[in-house]
């Protein structure tokens, strides 16, 4: 009787599915791009997914644009920027084939780079159709470009340029005295609208005439939005943010505003604390608010669902309309997320996060997943049940020799069934136990062992200092150590946090840091330190 109970328990356990999870949140396929973040939304164009990497580049690493087959995840093509060395934040721009006053063009993807280049890539093979150069002031292009008939309108660090889609020839150039960052451009019937880091809204006619409006003390880091009530800007300020409509203060909001989204007369906005819905049919009015942390790209799905990336360590995406409770979409790869989702015409979904993981969800995946689970149950599990019953039968017949043989066969089948799961668990555990190579220099004092150490690789020589403790993030540690070493630090504030532009007035192509020899996927204020971390600052 005891054997019968044990056997029944084994059968019951084996009938439980070996894998679990919510089907619609399981990835159809994923790719770890490794050499950067995904900071702007992927594009799904017919049967391919196109995505760009972004980050702080050193050595041989450089940003890429990749194209993957939507169904198989096979790499179709990739394009590497050999001269872009900073954080690429300009969204990809898909252009269908067409013609205009300045010529004809094939279907392509336009890419703005932080080396100031605009590249037109053939969508079929990623080959370069044409390239144009704009100015670089620490960075080149970081804002969203826009289309205007047969022209691409490019917001640059200190101005605006338009280029012919057919051949990349420069059609219009307007210089501006103020610097911009993520300063996307909007195209109206008569003008181009572009903001900057000094809270100034520039209005540039299509003939190149410039006028401007000083909104307030703050930063315009999105494409200004034309509404029936006037131009709307979400100004980033030192105390949070402010929404202005037609140059009038509309409301005071939270910190780090997201990239707004206009859908008809509705405007979707967000900050580190709330998602907000305005209706600007005649006058703007607030229609809803929901607590949510979003600092990236807000996107709309074909069925009208609004997606808000969750830019926290927990990651994921909030889905819904401000004023109602959001649904949370999460994956096993969740982390800080600024990129909006890419949507296909048939329900496909492409997601990317700040760890450079591209995830694709196909609309029939749930059906395929259910079929797989059923097949698993009808195959190996039924074999286990059959062998278990056979062993039990021979035990009842007192044929212990045959029961033992079938029992051994049963154990072999069970081992084969559970081996993949055990291997996966074992692999994950080994990964967690793997020691980091670290960044320790044997020439350093033994007294620094087990303490926090920082290294500055300056052009006039390397400076290292150790023996520290208690610093929680890279920014705190850097500021304190630089003061001890009489190193002047110059910073600027951006969407991803504070950015160090120079040490002792050495700008170069920018600066990047590692922790224990590894690059961080978050900024200096978010990068956490252990009590024996080694922080190294190097020129990019």
Protein backbone atom coordinates (compact mmCIF):
# COMPACT_ATOMS: atom_id res chain seq x y z
CA UNK A 1 0.00 0.00 0.00
CA UNK A 2 2.88 2.38 0.79
CA UNK A 3 4.35 1.78 -2.67
CA UNK A 4 1.00 2.55 -4.22
CA UNK A 5 0.79 5.93 -2.49
CA UNK A 6 4.36 6.83 -3.55
CA UNK A 7 3.66 5.79 -7.13
CA UNK A 8 0.45 7.82 -7.22
CA UNK A 9 2.35 10.86 -5.92
CA UNK A 10 5.00 10.52 -8.63
CA UNK A 11 2.34 10.31 -11.34
CA UNK A 12 0.53 13.37 -9.95
CA UNK A 13 3.72 15.44 -9.91
CA UNK A 14 4.59 14.45 -13.48
CA UNK A 15 1.17 15.51 -14.72
CA UNK A 16 1.91 19.09 -13.58
CA UNK A 17 3.22 21.10 -16.61
CA UNK A 18 6.99 21.41 -16.58
CA UNK A 19 6.86 25.10 -17.54
CA UNK A 20 4.61 27.88 -16.35
CA UNK A 21 4.03 31.57 -17.04
CA UNK A 22 1.61 33.83 -18.83
CA UNK A 23 1.63 33.01 -22.51
CA UNK A 24 1.16 36.53 -23.77
CA UNK A 25 4.14 37.66 -21.72
CA UNK A 26 6.47 34.90 -22.94
CA UNK A 27 8.83 36.06 -25.65
CA UNK A 28 8.51 34.45 -29.08
CA UNK A 29 12.19 35.23 -29.61
CA UNK A 30 14.80 37.56 -28.18
CA UNK A 31 18.27 38.85 -29.07
CA UNK A 32 20.82 40.30 -26.67
CA UNK A 33 22.51 43.06 -28.66
CA UNK A 34 25.17 43.25 -25.91
CA UNK A 35 27.06 46.32 -27.13
CA UNK A 36 24.58 48.99 -26.07
CA UNK A 37 21.17 50.08 -24.90
CA UNK A 38 17.94 50.21 -26.87
CA UNK A 39 16.82 53.77 -26.19
CA UNK A 40 14.37 54.28 -29.08
CA UNK A 41 11.53 52.08 -30.25
CA UNK A 42 12.14 49.27 -32.75
CA UNK A 43 10.35 49.42 -36.10
CA UNK A 44 8.31 46.52 -37.48
CA UNK A 45 8.12 46.95 -41.25
CA UNK A 46 6.40 44.08 -43.04
CA UNK A 47 8.52 41.00 -42.24
CA UNK A 48 11.46 42.63 -40.49
CA UNK A 49 12.28 44.25 -37.17
CA UNK A 50 14.72 47.15 -37.32
CA UNK A 51 16.39 48.39 -34.14
CA UNK A 52 19.32 50.62 -33.21
CA UNK A 53 21.74 50.40 -30.30
CA UNK A 54 22.77 53.33 -28.16
CA UNK A 55 25.36 53.83 -25.46
CA UNK A 56 28.75 55.16 -24.45
CA UNK A 57 31.34 53.69 -26.78
CA UNK A 58 35.02 52.90 -26.26
CA UNK A 59 37.60 50.71 -27.95
CA UNK A 60 36.24 48.88 -30.99
CA UNK A 61 32.62 49.01 -29.85
CA UNK A 62 30.29 51.17 -31.91
CA UNK A 63 26.53 51.58 -32.36
CA UNK A 64 24.65 49.58 -34.99
CA UNK A 65 21.34 49.42 -36.77
CA UNK A 66 20.10 45.82 -37.10
CA UNK A 67 17.39 44.17 -39.18
CA UNK A 68 15.97 40.80 -38.08
CA UNK A 69 13.48 38.53 -39.76
CA UNK A 70 10.21 38.99 -37.90
CA UNK A 71 9.31 35.30 -37.80
CA UNK A 72 12.68 33.54 -37.49
CA UNK A 73 14.93 36.11 -35.73
CA UNK A 74 17.57 35.59 -38.42
CA UNK A 75 19.80 38.62 -38.98
CA UNK A 76 19.00 40.21 -42.34
CA UNK A 77 21.58 42.99 -42.24
CA UNK A 78 23.37 45.40 -39.94
CA UNK A 79 24.94 48.82 -40.35
CA UNK A 80 27.76 50.06 -38.11
CA UNK A 81 28.58 53.68 -37.39
CA UNK A 82 32.35 53.85 -37.13
CA UNK A 83 32.53 57.44 -35.91
CA UNK A 84 29.58 57.82 -33.53
CA UNK A 85 30.92 57.69 -29.99
CA UNK A 86 28.17 58.99 -27.72
CA UNK A 87 24.59 58.32 -26.65
CA UNK A 88 22.41 57.96 -29.78
CA UNK A 89 18.84 59.00 -28.92
CA UNK A 90 17.34 60.01 -32.28
CA UNK A 91 14.49 57.64 -33.26
CA UNK A 92 14.69 55.68 -36.50
CA UNK A 93 12.56 57.20 -39.27
CA UNK A 94 10.92 54.94 -41.87
CA UNK A 95 10.40 56.47 -45.32
CA UNK A 96 8.31 54.79 -48.00
CA UNK A 97 9.38 54.97 -51.63
CA UNK A 98 8.28 58.16 -53.39
CA UNK A 99 9.15 61.13 -55.53
CA UNK A 100 9.14 64.94 -55.27
CA UNK A 101 10.62 68.12 -56.65
CA UNK A 102 14.14 67.05 -55.67
CA UNK A 103 14.00 63.52 -57.08
CA UNK A 104 12.90 59.94 -56.49
CA UNK A 105 13.81 57.64 -53.63
CA UNK A 106 13.41 54.00 -52.65
CA UNK A 107 12.06 52.74 -49.32
CA UNK A 108 14.60 53.46 -46.61
CA UNK A 109 15.34 54.04 -42.94
CA UNK A 110 16.84 57.37 -41.90
CA UNK A 111 19.22 57.40 -38.93
CA UNK A 112 20.52 60.45 -37.07
CA UNK A 113 23.82 59.91 -35.26
CA UNK A 114 25.68 61.69 -32.49
CA UNK A 115 28.61 62.22 -34.87
CA UNK A 116 26.31 64.62 -36.72
CA UNK A 117 25.63 62.35 -39.68
CA UNK A 118 22.28 61.50 -41.25
CA UNK A 119 22.38 58.19 -43.10
CA UNK A 120 19.76 56.82 -45.48
CA UNK A 121 19.82 53.01 -45.42
CA UNK A 122 18.18 50.77 -48.00
CA UNK A 123 15.51 48.82 -46.16
CA UNK A 124 16.15 45.60 -48.10
CA UNK A 125 19.86 45.12 -47.39
CA UNK A 126 21.00 48.00 -45.12
CA UNK A 127 23.28 49.46 -47.79
CA UNK A 128 24.06 53.18 -47.62
CA UNK A 129 22.00 55.22 -50.10
CA UNK A 130 23.32 58.62 -49.05
CA UNK A 131 24.90 60.37 -46.08
CA UNK A 132 24.85 64.02 -44.95
CA UNK A 133 26.86 65.78 -42.26
CA UNK A 134 25.64 68.27 -39.65
CA UNK A 135 27.53 70.05 -36.86
CA UNK A 136 28.79 68.41 -33.65
CA UNK A 137 28.97 70.25 -30.33
CA UNK A 138 29.88 67.44 -27.93
CA UNK A 139 26.96 65.62 -29.56
CA UNK A 140 25.44 65.72 -32.99
CA UNK A 141 21.82 64.66 -33.60
CA UNK A 142 19.83 63.49 -30.57
CA UNK A 143 16.24 64.59 -31.36
CA UNK A 144 13.47 63.15 -33.51
CA UNK A 145 13.63 64.00 -37.21
CA UNK A 146 10.48 64.62 -39.28
CA UNK A 147 9.31 64.41 -42.89
CA UNK A 148 8.09 67.36 -44.92
CA UNK A 149 7.00 66.25 -48.38
CA UNK A 150 10.26 65.32 -50.19
CA UNK A 151 12.51 66.58 -47.37
CA UNK A 152 13.78 65.20 -44.09
CA UNK A 153 13.90 67.89 -41.39
CA UNK A 154 16.80 67.37 -38.99
CA UNK A 155 17.04 69.09 -35.59
CA UNK A 156 20.71 69.54 -34.77
CA UNK A 157 22.61 70.56 -31.65
CA UNK A 158 22.70 74.22 -32.73
CA UNK A 159 20.27 74.56 -35.57
CA UNK A 160 18.06 72.91 -38.16
CA UNK A 161 18.81 71.39 -41.56
CA UNK A 162 16.64 69.92 -44.29
CA UNK A 163 17.88 67.39 -46.86
CA UNK A 164 16.40 66.04 -50.07
CA UNK A 165 15.15 62.47 -49.64
CA UNK A 166 16.31 61.60 -53.14
CA UNK A 167 20.02 62.35 -52.83
CA UNK A 168 20.73 63.89 -49.39
CA UNK A 169 21.50 67.36 -50.78
CA UNK A 170 21.19 70.21 -48.27
CA UNK A 171 18.11 72.35 -48.97
CA UNK A 172 17.92 74.62 -45.90
CA UNK A 173 20.21 75.46 -42.99
CA UNK A 174 19.33 77.71 -40.04
CA UNK A 175 21.83 78.29 -37.22
CA UNK A 176 20.65 78.83 -33.65
CA UNK A 177 22.63 80.33 -30.76
CA UNK A 178 21.38 77.90 -28.10
CA UNK A 179 22.19 74.21 -27.62
CA UNK A 180 19.57 71.47 -27.84
CA UNK A 181 19.29 67.91 -26.52
CA UNK A 182 16.63 65.43 -27.70
CA UNK A 183 15.20 68.55 -29.31
CA UNK A 184 12.86 66.91 -31.79
CA UNK A 185 11.30 68.96 -34.58
CA UNK A 186 7.63 69.37 -35.52
CA UNK A 187 6.41 70.26 -39.00
CA UNK A 188 3.38 72.55 -39.34
CA UNK A 189 1.80 73.92 -42.49
CA UNK A 190 4.15 76.90 -42.67
CA UNK A 191 6.88 76.37 -40.06
CA UNK A 192 9.26 74.09 -38.24
CA UNK A 193 9.10 74.11 -34.42
CA UNK A 194 12.16 73.25 -32.32
CA UNK A 195 13.09 73.89 -28.67
CA UNK A 196 16.37 73.98 -26.78
CA UNK A 197 18.08 73.75 -23.38
CA UNK A 198 17.26 77.38 -22.51
CA UNK A 199 13.49 77.07 -22.71
CA UNK A 200 13.25 78.87 -26.05
CA UNK A 201 10.75 77.81 -28.71
CA UNK A 202 12.18 78.53 -32.16
CA UNK A 203 9.77 78.99 -35.04
CA UNK A 204 11.49 78.63 -38.42
CA UNK A 205 9.56 79.32 -41.60
CA UNK A 206 10.07 76.94 -44.50
CA UNK A 207 11.93 79.79 -46.21
CA UNK A 208 14.38 79.94 -43.29
CA UNK A 209 13.10 83.00 -41.41
CA UNK A 210 13.55 82.69 -37.64
CA UNK A 211 11.46 83.94 -34.75
CA UNK A 212 11.43 82.68 -31.19
CA UNK A 213 9.53 82.71 -27.92
CA UNK A 214 11.17 82.44 -24.51
CA UNK A 215 8.86 80.08 -22.63
CA UNK A 216 10.53 79.93 -19.21
CA UNK A 217 13.68 78.83 -17.41
CA UNK A 218 13.91 75.18 -18.35
CA UNK A 219 14.64 72.67 -21.12
CA UNK A 220 12.48 71.64 -24.08
CA UNK A 221 13.45 68.04 -24.79
CA UNK A 222 10.76 66.92 -27.19
CA UNK A 223 9.22 68.02 -30.45
CA UNK A 224 6.81 70.91 -29.65
CA UNK A 225 3.19 69.91 -30.27
CA UNK A 226 0.80 71.99 -32.37
CA UNK A 227 -2.74 71.89 -30.93
CA UNK A 228 -5.99 73.76 -31.56
CA UNK A 229 -5.26 75.70 -28.38
CA UNK A 230 -1.72 76.67 -29.37
CA UNK A 231 1.75 75.11 -29.24
CA UNK A 232 2.23 72.81 -26.24
CA UNK A 233 5.62 72.19 -24.60
CA UNK A 234 6.44 70.15 -21.52
CA UNK A 235 9.31 72.09 -19.98
CA UNK A 236 11.84 70.31 -17.75
CA UNK A 237 12.80 72.51 -14.79
CA UNK A 238 15.01 72.24 -11.72
CA UNK A 239 11.90 71.88 -9.53
CA UNK A 240 10.10 69.35 -11.76
CA UNK A 241 8.34 70.28 -15.00
CA UNK A 242 5.76 72.67 -16.40
CA UNK A 243 3.26 72.36 -19.22
CA UNK A 244 2.84 75.49 -21.36
CA UNK A 245 0.13 76.02 -23.97
CA UNK A 246 0.35 79.02 -26.28
CA UNK A 247 3.17 80.39 -24.06
CA UNK A 248 0.90 80.33 -20.99
CA UNK A 249 1.61 78.16 -17.92
CA UNK A 250 -0.99 75.40 -17.88
CA UNK A 251 0.17 73.22 -14.95
CA UNK A 252 3.07 72.30 -12.67
CA UNK A 253 4.08 68.64 -12.95
CA UNK A 254 6.66 66.11 -11.74
CA UNK A 255 10.29 65.53 -12.67
CA UNK A 256 11.84 64.23 -15.90
CA UNK A 257 9.03 64.59 -18.47
CA UNK A 258 8.61 61.89 -21.10
CA UNK A 259 8.33 62.34 -24.88
CA UNK A 260 4.66 63.38 -25.36
CA UNK A 261 2.32 61.72 -27.83
CA UNK A 262 -0.43 63.46 -29.81
CA UNK A 263 -3.44 61.43 -30.97
CA UNK A 264 -6.04 63.65 -32.61
CA UNK A 265 -6.94 66.30 -30.05
CA UNK A 266 -5.61 64.19 -27.16
CA UNK A 267 -2.11 64.70 -25.74
CA UNK A 268 -0.52 61.96 -23.60
CA UNK A 269 2.27 63.12 -21.27
CA UNK A 270 4.15 61.60 -18.34
CA UNK A 271 6.73 62.26 -15.63
CA UNK A 272 8.48 60.24 -12.94
CA UNK A 273 5.26 60.29 -10.94
CA UNK A 274 2.25 60.42 -13.28
CA UNK A 275 0.84 59.70 -16.72
CA UNK A 276 -1.39 62.56 -17.87
CA UNK A 277 -4.08 62.93 -20.54
CA UNK A 278 -5.01 66.34 -21.93
CA UNK A 279 -7.71 67.13 -24.46
CA UNK A 280 -6.91 70.20 -26.55
CA UNK A 281 -9.99 70.32 -28.78
CA UNK A 282 -10.52 74.04 -28.23
CA UNK A 283 -8.86 74.74 -24.91
CA UNK A 284 -6.64 72.19 -23.18
CA UNK A 285 -8.10 70.41 -20.17
CA UNK A 286 -6.93 67.51 -18.01
CA UNK A 287 -8.99 64.38 -18.62
CA UNK A 288 -7.10 61.92 -16.44
CA UNK A 289 -4.07 61.09 -14.34
CA UNK A 290 -2.60 57.76 -13.23
CA UNK A 291 0.42 57.14 -11.00
CA UNK A 292 3.21 55.78 -13.21
CA UNK A 293 6.95 56.38 -13.72
CA UNK A 294 7.68 57.14 -17.38
CA UNK A 295 10.56 59.16 -18.84
CA UNK A 296 10.78 57.68 -22.33
CA UNK A 297 8.72 57.28 -25.48
CA UNK A 298 4.93 57.03 -25.16
CA UNK A 299 3.41 54.89 -27.95
CA UNK A 300 -0.01 53.95 -29.28
CA UNK A 301 -1.02 50.51 -30.49
CA UNK A 302 -3.29 50.09 -33.51
CA UNK A 303 -6.27 49.26 -31.29
CA UNK A 304 -5.81 52.54 -29.39
CA UNK A 305 -3.98 51.18 -26.33
CA UNK A 306 -1.36 53.60 -24.97
CA UNK A 307 1.95 52.14 -23.75
CA UNK A 308 4.12 53.91 -21.14
CA UNK A 309 7.63 52.45 -20.56
CA UNK A 310 8.50 52.07 -16.89
CA UNK A 311 11.92 53.67 -16.42
CA UNK A 312 12.76 51.99 -13.10
CA UNK A 313 14.83 48.95 -12.19
CA UNK A 314 11.63 46.85 -12.30
CA UNK A 315 11.02 47.87 -15.91
CA UNK A 316 8.00 46.75 -17.88
CA UNK A 317 5.31 48.81 -19.59
CA UNK A 318 2.12 50.36 -18.28
CA UNK A 319 -0.83 50.04 -20.67
CA UNK A 320 -3.97 52.12 -20.40
CA UNK A 321 -5.51 55.58 -20.44
CA UNK A 322 -4.56 58.10 -17.73
CA UNK A 323 -7.42 58.36 -15.31
CA UNK A 324 -7.92 54.59 -15.16
CA UNK A 325 -5.83 51.78 -13.67
CA UNK A 326 -2.98 50.60 -15.91
CA UNK A 327 -2.30 47.02 -16.91
CA UNK A 328 1.36 46.10 -16.41
CA UNK A 329 3.15 44.18 -19.16
CA UNK A 330 6.29 42.50 -17.87
CA UNK A 331 8.92 40.13 -19.22
CA UNK A 332 11.74 38.08 -17.76
CA UNK A 333 14.25 40.65 -19.06
CA UNK A 334 12.74 43.72 -17.40
CA UNK A 335 15.01 46.56 -16.33
CA UNK A 336 15.19 50.33 -16.91
CA UNK A 337 13.23 51.10 -20.06
CA UNK A 338 12.95 54.27 -22.15
CA UNK A 339 12.14 52.87 -25.61
CA UNK A 340 8.55 52.68 -26.72
CA UNK A 341 7.18 49.47 -28.26
CA UNK A 342 7.16 48.82 -31.98
CA UNK A 343 3.90 47.46 -33.41
CA UNK A 344 3.27 45.41 -36.54
CA UNK A 345 0.21 45.50 -38.79
CA UNK A 346 -0.91 42.04 -37.68
CA UNK A 347 -0.50 42.33 -33.92
CA UNK A 348 3.27 41.77 -33.69
CA UNK A 349 5.06 43.51 -30.83
CA UNK A 350 8.76 44.45 -30.50
CA UNK A 351 10.21 45.67 -27.20
CA UNK A 352 13.68 46.83 -26.21
CA UNK A 353 15.22 47.81 -22.88
CA UNK A 354 18.25 49.60 -21.50
CA UNK A 355 20.18 46.32 -21.28
CA UNK A 356 20.08 45.98 -25.05
CA UNK A 357 17.66 43.04 -25.16
CA UNK A 358 15.29 43.00 -28.14
CA UNK A 359 12.12 40.96 -27.57
CA UNK A 360 9.54 40.06 -30.19
CA UNK A 361 6.03 38.73 -29.54
CA UNK A 362 4.08 37.18 -32.42
CA UNK A 363 0.26 37.17 -32.41
CA UNK A 364 -0.09 33.39 -32.84
CA UNK A 365 2.44 32.61 -30.14
CA UNK A 366 -0.18 31.81 -27.49
CA UNK A 367 -1.78 29.22 -29.79
CA UNK A 368 1.58 27.67 -30.60
CA UNK A 369 2.52 27.65 -26.93
CA UNK A 370 -0.73 25.87 -25.98
CA UNK A 371 -0.16 23.28 -28.70
CA UNK A 372 3.34 22.67 -27.41
CA UNK A 373 2.09 22.14 -23.86
CA UNK A 374 -0.58 19.71 -25.10
CA UNK A 375 1.97 17.77 -27.13
CA UNK A 376 4.26 17.54 -24.14
CA UNK A 377 1.41 16.12 -22.06
CA UNK A 378 0.18 13.62 -24.69
CA UNK A 379 3.68 12.34 -25.41
CA UNK A 380 6.30 11.87 -22.66
CA UNK A 381 3.85 12.22 -19.76
CA UNK A 382 1.58 9.45 -21.10
CA UNK A 383 4.64 7.24 -21.47
CA UNK A 384 5.50 7.85 -17.83
CA UNK A 385 1.93 7.00 -16.80
CA UNK A 386 2.00 3.80 -18.88
CA UNK A 387 5.34 2.65 -17.42
CA UNK A 388 4.19 3.49 -13.91
CA UNK A 389 1.01 1.45 -14.30
CA UNK A 390 2.97 -1.43 -15.82
CA UNK A 391 5.40 -1.44 -12.90
CA UNK A 392 2.49 -1.32 -10.47
CA UNK A 393 0.81 -4.23 -12.34
CA UNK A 394 3.87 -6.48 -12.09
CA UNK A 395 4.25 -5.61 -8.42
CA UNK A 396 0.69 -6.83 -7.82
CA UNK A 397 1.54 -10.02 -9.74
CA UNK A 398 4.59 -10.53 -7.46
CA UNK A 399 6.86 -10.38 -10.52
CA UNK A 400 9.53 -8.27 -8.84
CA UNK A 401 12.13 -8.86 -11.59
CA UNK A 402 9.91 -7.40 -14.33
CA UNK A 403 8.75 -4.59 -11.99
CA UNK A 404 12.40 -3.66 -11.36
CA UNK A 405 13.24 -3.58 -15.08
CA UNK A 406 10.27 -1.37 -15.89
CA UNK A 407 11.07 0.80 -12.85
CA UNK A 408 14.61 1.39 -14.16
CA UNK A 409 13.20 2.30 -17.55
CA UNK A 410 10.74 4.66 -15.84
CA UNK A 411 13.58 6.38 -13.97
CA UNK A 412 15.47 6.82 -17.25
CA UNK A 413 12.45 8.44 -18.93
CA UNK A 414 11.91 10.75 -15.94
CA UNK A 415 15.59 11.77 -15.99
CA UNK A 416 15.39 12.60 -19.71
CA UNK A 417 12.25 14.67 -19.13
CA UNK A 418 13.62 16.79 -16.32
CA UNK A 419 17.19 17.13 -17.64
CA UNK A 420 16.52 20.33 -19.68
CA UNK A 421 14.93 22.09 -16.69
CA UNK A 422 17.75 20.97 -14.37
CA UNK A 423 20.34 22.15 -16.90
CA UNK A 424 18.68 25.55 -17.20
CA UNK A 425 18.48 25.99 -13.42
CA UNK A 426 22.09 24.82 -13.03
CA UNK A 427 23.27 27.23 -15.73
CA UNK A 428 21.53 30.16 -14.05
CA UNK A 429 23.01 29.28 -10.67
CA UNK A 430 26.50 28.98 -12.16
CA UNK A 431 26.07 32.42 -13.76
CA UNK A 432 25.19 33.93 -10.40
CA UNK A 433 28.23 32.35 -8.77
CA UNK A 434 30.67 33.40 -11.50
CA UNK A 435 33.19 35.86 -10.17
CA UNK A 436 33.68 39.14 -11.96
CA UNK A 437 37.22 39.63 -13.28
CA UNK A 438 37.27 42.93 -11.38
CA UNK A 439 39.61 45.83 -12.05
CA UNK A 440 42.25 45.50 -9.34
CA UNK A 441 45.80 46.71 -10.02
CA UNK A 442 48.50 44.79 -8.16
CA UNK A 443 50.58 47.98 -7.84
CA UNK A 444 47.99 49.53 -5.54
CA UNK A 445 48.38 49.60 -1.79
CA UNK A 446 47.23 46.49 0.08
CA UNK A 447 45.36 48.83 2.40
CA UNK A 448 42.94 49.49 -0.47
CA UNK A 449 41.86 45.84 -0.61
CA UNK A 450 38.18 45.54 0.28
CA UNK A 451 37.60 49.30 -0.01
CA UNK A 452 36.17 51.52 -2.73
CA UNK A 453 38.77 52.64 -5.29
CA UNK A 454 38.48 55.19 -8.09
CA UNK A 455 40.71 55.78 -11.13
CA UNK A 456 40.81 58.81 -13.43
CA UNK A 457 42.60 58.16 -16.76
CA UNK A 458 43.45 61.79 -17.57
CA UNK A 459 45.44 62.80 -20.67
CA UNK A 460 48.30 64.01 -18.47
CA UNK A 461 48.45 60.84 -16.38
CA UNK A 462 46.41 58.35 -14.39
CA UNK A 463 45.24 59.21 -10.86
CA UNK A 464 43.99 56.53 -8.48
CA UNK A 465 42.74 56.78 -4.92
CA UNK A 466 41.43 54.08 -2.59
CA UNK A 467 40.49 53.39 1.00
CA UNK A 468 36.96 54.78 0.66
CA UNK A 469 33.74 53.33 2.01
CA UNK A 470 30.09 54.19 2.29
CA UNK A 471 29.49 55.63 -1.17
CA UNK A 472 26.26 54.33 -2.66
CA UNK A 473 26.58 55.39 -6.28
CA UNK A 474 29.17 56.50 -8.83
CA UNK A 475 28.17 60.17 -8.78
CA UNK A 476 28.68 60.56 -5.01
CA UNK A 477 31.99 58.72 -5.15
CA UNK A 478 33.29 60.66 -8.17
CA UNK A 479 32.42 64.06 -6.72
CA UNK A 480 34.12 63.30 -3.40
CA UNK A 481 37.25 61.69 -4.85
CA UNK A 482 37.65 64.43 -7.47
CA UNK A 483 37.55 67.05 -4.72
CA UNK A 484 40.28 65.17 -2.78
CA UNK A 485 42.45 65.02 -5.91
CA UNK A 486 41.75 68.64 -6.91
CA UNK A 487 40.07 67.51 -10.14
CA UNK A 488 37.41 69.86 -11.50
CA UNK A 489 34.27 68.11 -12.70
CA UNK A 490 31.89 69.62 -15.26
CA UNK A 491 28.40 68.11 -15.56
CA UNK A 492 25.26 68.50 -17.61
CA UNK A 493 21.82 67.10 -16.81
CA UNK A 494 19.98 64.89 -19.30
CA UNK A 495 17.06 62.45 -19.43
CA UNK A 496 19.25 59.54 -18.35
CA UNK A 497 20.70 61.52 -15.42
CA UNK A 498 23.80 63.66 -14.89
CA UNK A 499 26.49 63.47 -17.55
CA UNK A 500 30.13 64.37 -16.88
CA UNK A 501 31.43 66.37 -19.83
CA UNK A 502 34.97 67.01 -18.61
CA UNK A 503 37.59 66.42 -15.94
CA UNK A 504 40.03 69.31 -15.49
CA UNK A 505 38.52 70.83 -18.66
CA UNK A 506 39.47 67.76 -20.73
CA UNK A 507 36.43 67.23 -22.98
CA UNK A 508 37.62 64.99 -25.77
CA UNK A 509 34.83 62.79 -27.14
CA UNK A 510 33.27 62.46 -23.69
CA UNK A 511 33.91 60.26 -20.67
CA UNK A 512 32.61 56.88 -19.58
CA UNK A 513 32.95 54.77 -16.46
CA UNK A 514 33.16 51.11 -15.53
CA UNK A 515 32.48 49.37 -12.22
CA UNK A 516 34.82 46.45 -11.53
CA UNK A 517 35.73 46.38 -15.21
CA UNK A 518 32.15 46.32 -16.49
CA UNK A 519 30.12 49.03 -18.18
CA UNK A 520 26.92 50.04 -16.43
CA UNK A 521 23.50 50.11 -18.10
CA UNK A 522 22.42 53.10 -15.98
CA UNK A 523 23.78 56.59 -15.30
CA UNK A 524 26.13 57.76 -12.59
CA UNK A 525 23.40 58.63 -10.10
CA UNK A 526 21.75 55.19 -10.47
CA UNK A 527 24.86 52.99 -10.61
CA UNK A 528 25.14 51.28 -7.23
CA UNK A 529 28.47 50.45 -5.59
CA UNK A 530 29.59 47.63 -3.34
CA UNK A 531 32.02 48.25 -0.50
CA UNK A 532 34.93 46.96 -2.61
CA UNK A 533 33.97 48.43 -6.01
CA UNK A 534 36.58 49.87 -8.38
CA UNK A 535 35.30 52.78 -10.46
CA UNK A 536 37.34 53.72 -13.52
CA UNK A 537 36.83 56.86 -15.62
CA UNK A 538 38.23 56.74 -19.17
CA UNK A 539 37.98 59.02 -22.21
CA UNK A 540 35.47 57.76 -24.78
